[in-house]
Amino acid sequence: MTTMPTPERLRKSDFAAGHPHRVVTALDALLKSGDISDQAYAAARKWRRDYLFARFGYQEISSQRLGTTYYKHDEISWRMTRAEVWRTLAEIRTAIGAEAHRRLEWGLIEEVSFTQMAAKIMPHRRVDDARKRVSAQFALTLSRLDEVYQERRRQEIVKRRLPNADA
C-alpha cells in the first residue's frame, strides 16, 4: 500500500520526485538554484528542527542517531532541554533581527512561498519583482543564520577548551 497526496494537494504544491512524496519548499528551491550553500541549507534545517522541538515538543530523529540513552528523559529534564533550545532560538532571533526571524518562521515552519511572502511584505511592488527581492532577502537571512550557528560552534569549542572562560 502506498500513500499519496490527494489530487487537491497535488494541484496546490510542487512535489519532489520519488517516494515518499515531499513538497518542494522555498528552501529546496533556493538550494536547487544555487542561491544558498549546503551549509546554509543545513543551518536552516537545524533551525527548523530546533524550532519544532522548542515550540511543540517533538523532534525528527534519524534512526542512525538513536542511542541507548536518547529517550531517558523524565518530564522535567525534557522541559529543561526544550527551554535550553528555546533560549538558543531567542539568541539567534536577537542576532539576526526580529524581521529576519519572522521570515524564517514563514519560510521554514509555515512553508509560505516567496510569492505569498512578497504579497505580505511588498504589496506595492510588481509581483515578480517583489518575489525576487524576497527570495534574495531570504537567501541572505539563511547565510546569516549559518554564520550565527558557526559562531556558536566556535564559542562552544573555546568554552570546552577553557572551562573558566566565563569567570
Protein backbone atom coordinates (compact mmCIF):
# COMPACT_ATOMS: atom_id res chain seq x y z
CA MET A 1 0.00 0.00 0.00
CA THR A 2 1.41 3.37 -0.98
CA THR A 3 0.20 6.68 0.31
CA MET A 4 -0.05 9.61 -2.00
CA PRO A 5 -1.17 13.19 -1.63
CA THR A 6 -4.78 13.82 -2.52
CA PRO A 7 -5.49 15.16 -6.00
CA GLU A 8 -6.33 18.54 -4.46
CA ARG A 9 -2.98 18.63 -2.63
CA LEU A 10 -1.14 17.63 -5.81
CA ARG A 11 -2.67 20.63 -7.60
CA LYS A 12 -1.63 23.05 -4.80
CA SER A 13 2.06 22.20 -4.44
CA ASP A 14 5.11 21.06 -6.34
CA PHE A 15 6.40 17.69 -5.18
CA ALA A 16 9.88 16.22 -5.42
CA ALA A 17 10.23 13.08 -7.46
CA GLY A 18 10.38 9.81 -5.58
CA HIS A 19 8.73 8.20 -2.62
CA PRO A 20 7.59 9.32 -0.21
CA HIS A 21 6.17 12.39 -1.90
CA ARG A 22 7.64 15.55 -0.46
CA VAL A 23 6.64 19.15 -1.06
CA VAL A 24 9.34 21.27 -2.70
CA THR A 25 9.74 24.18 -0.29
CA ALA A 26 11.21 27.64 -0.77
CA LEU A 27 14.33 26.31 0.95
CA ASP A 28 14.65 23.48 -1.57
CA ALA A 29 14.17 25.93 -4.44
CA LEU A 30 16.99 28.17 -3.15
CA LEU A 31 19.36 25.22 -2.81
CA LYS A 32 18.49 23.86 -6.24
CA SER A 33 19.02 27.27 -7.87
CA GLY A 34 22.40 27.68 -6.16
CA ASP A 35 21.32 30.79 -4.25
CA ILE A 36 22.33 29.25 -0.92
CA SER A 37 25.15 26.95 0.10
CA ASP A 38 24.83 23.46 1.51
CA GLN A 39 25.91 24.91 4.86
CA ALA A 40 23.11 27.49 4.81
CA TYR A 41 20.66 24.72 3.88
CA ALA A 42 21.88 22.61 6.81
CA ALA A 43 21.61 25.60 9.17
CA ALA A 44 18.02 26.18 8.03
CA ARG A 45 17.15 22.52 8.59
CA LYS A 46 18.74 22.65 12.06
CA TRP A 47 16.86 25.84 12.93
CA ARG A 48 13.59 24.21 11.79
CA ARG A 49 14.20 21.08 13.89
CA ASP A 50 15.09 23.21 16.92
CA TYR A 51 12.03 25.42 16.45
CA LEU A 52 9.65 22.46 16.18
CA PHE A 53 11.17 20.86 19.25
CA ALA A 54 11.13 24.03 21.35
CA ARG A 55 7.65 25.07 20.29
CA PHE A 56 5.80 21.77 20.02
CA GLY A 57 7.99 19.29 21.90
CA TYR A 58 8.76 16.80 19.17
CA GLN A 59 11.85 16.03 17.14
CA GLU A 60 12.60 14.40 13.83
CA ILE A 61 15.21 11.79 14.72
CA SER A 62 17.00 9.69 12.15
CA SER A 63 17.34 6.02 13.03
CA GLN A 64 21.15 6.32 12.91
CA ARG A 65 21.15 8.79 15.83
CA LEU A 66 19.17 6.63 18.23
CA GLY A 67 21.32 5.51 21.12
CA THR A 68 20.63 3.73 24.36
CA THR A 69 20.30 6.99 26.33
CA TYR A 70 18.38 9.07 23.81
CA TYR A 71 14.92 8.60 25.34
CA LYS A 72 15.94 8.56 29.01
CA HIS A 73 14.26 11.80 29.99
CA ASP A 74 11.74 12.48 32.66
CA GLU A 75 9.20 15.26 32.27
CA ILE A 76 11.39 17.86 33.98
CA SER A 77 14.57 17.16 32.00
CA TRP A 78 12.56 17.10 28.76
CA ARG A 79 11.16 20.55 29.54
CA MET A 80 14.59 21.82 30.59
CA THR A 81 16.03 20.62 27.28
CA ARG A 82 13.23 22.37 25.39
CA ALA A 83 13.83 25.56 27.38
CA GLU A 84 17.53 25.47 26.51
CA VAL A 85 16.72 25.12 22.81
CA TRP A 86 14.20 27.97 23.11
CA ARG A 87 16.93 30.14 24.69
CA THR A 88 19.21 29.36 21.76
CA LEU A 89 16.46 30.37 19.32
CA ALA A 90 15.96 33.63 21.23
CA GLU A 91 19.69 34.36 20.92
CA ILE A 92 19.51 33.66 17.19
CA ARG A 93 16.50 35.98 16.89
CA THR A 94 18.50 38.72 18.61
CA ALA A 95 21.49 38.12 16.33
CA ILE A 96 19.58 38.16 13.03
CA GLY A 97 16.74 40.52 13.95
CA ALA A 98 13.03 40.07 14.52
CA GLU A 99 12.04 40.62 10.86
CA ALA A 100 14.52 38.05 9.59
CA HIS A 101 13.37 35.63 12.27
CA ARG A 102 9.74 36.08 11.21
CA ARG A 103 10.72 35.31 7.63
CA LEU A 104 12.37 32.10 8.84
CA GLU A 105 9.09 31.18 10.50
CA TRP A 106 7.16 31.90 7.31
CA GLY A 107 9.54 30.07 5.01
CA LEU A 108 10.63 27.13 7.17
CA ILE A 109 7.72 26.48 9.52
CA GLU A 110 4.63 27.76 7.70
CA GLU A 111 6.17 26.95 4.27
CA VAL A 112 4.89 30.17 2.74
CA SER A 113 6.04 30.68 -0.85
CA PHE A 114 8.13 33.66 -1.91
CA THR A 115 5.16 34.99 -3.86
CA GLN A 116 2.98 34.88 -0.74
CA MET A 117 5.73 36.50 1.36
CA ALA A 118 6.13 39.22 -1.26
CA ALA A 119 2.41 39.98 -1.15
CA LYS A 120 2.64 40.46 2.64
CA ILE A 121 5.91 42.39 2.73
CA MET A 122 5.87 44.40 -0.51
CA PRO A 123 2.26 44.71 -1.68
CA HIS A 124 3.04 47.91 -3.63
CA ARG A 125 5.62 46.26 -5.94
CA ARG A 126 5.08 44.18 -9.04
CA VAL A 127 4.63 40.54 -8.05
CA ASP A 128 7.66 39.19 -9.94
CA ASP A 129 9.97 41.95 -8.74
CA ALA A 130 8.80 41.57 -5.14
CA ARG A 131 9.18 37.78 -5.28
CA LYS A 132 12.78 38.11 -6.49
CA ARG A 133 13.59 40.61 -3.75
CA VAL A 134 12.06 38.42 -1.05
CA SER A 135 13.90 35.40 -2.39
CA ALA A 136 17.22 37.29 -2.23
CA GLN A 137 16.46 38.56 1.27
CA PHE A 138 15.60 35.04 2.42
CA ALA A 139 18.86 33.71 0.97
CA LEU A 140 20.77 36.43 2.85
CA THR A 141 18.89 35.57 6.05
CA LEU A 142 19.88 31.91 5.67
CA SER A 143 23.51 32.89 5.11
CA ARG A 144 23.39 35.00 8.26
CA LEU A 145 21.78 32.10 10.15
CA ASP A 146 24.65 29.86 9.07
CA GLU A 147 27.16 32.46 10.32
CA VAL A 148 25.40 32.60 13.70
CA TYR A 149 25.49 28.81 14.05
CA GLN A 150 29.19 28.75 13.08
CA GLU A 151 29.97 31.42 15.68
CA ARG A 152 28.07 29.47 18.33
CA ARG A 153 30.10 26.35 17.47
CA ARG A 154 33.35 28.33 17.79
CA GLN A 155 32.25 29.67 21.17
CA GLU A 156 31.38 26.14 22.37
CA ILE A 157 34.82 24.89 21.33
CA VAL A 158 36.52 27.73 23.19
CA LYS A 159 34.33 27.11 26.25
CA ARG A 160 35.28 23.39 26.27
CA ARG A 161 38.97 24.17 25.92
CA LEU A 162 38.90 26.94 28.52
CA PRO A 163 36.35 25.87 31.13
CA ASN A 164 36.90 29.03 33.23
CA ALA A 165 36.46 31.40 30.28
CA ASP A 166 33.10 32.59 31.67
CA ALA A 167 34.56 33.70 35.00
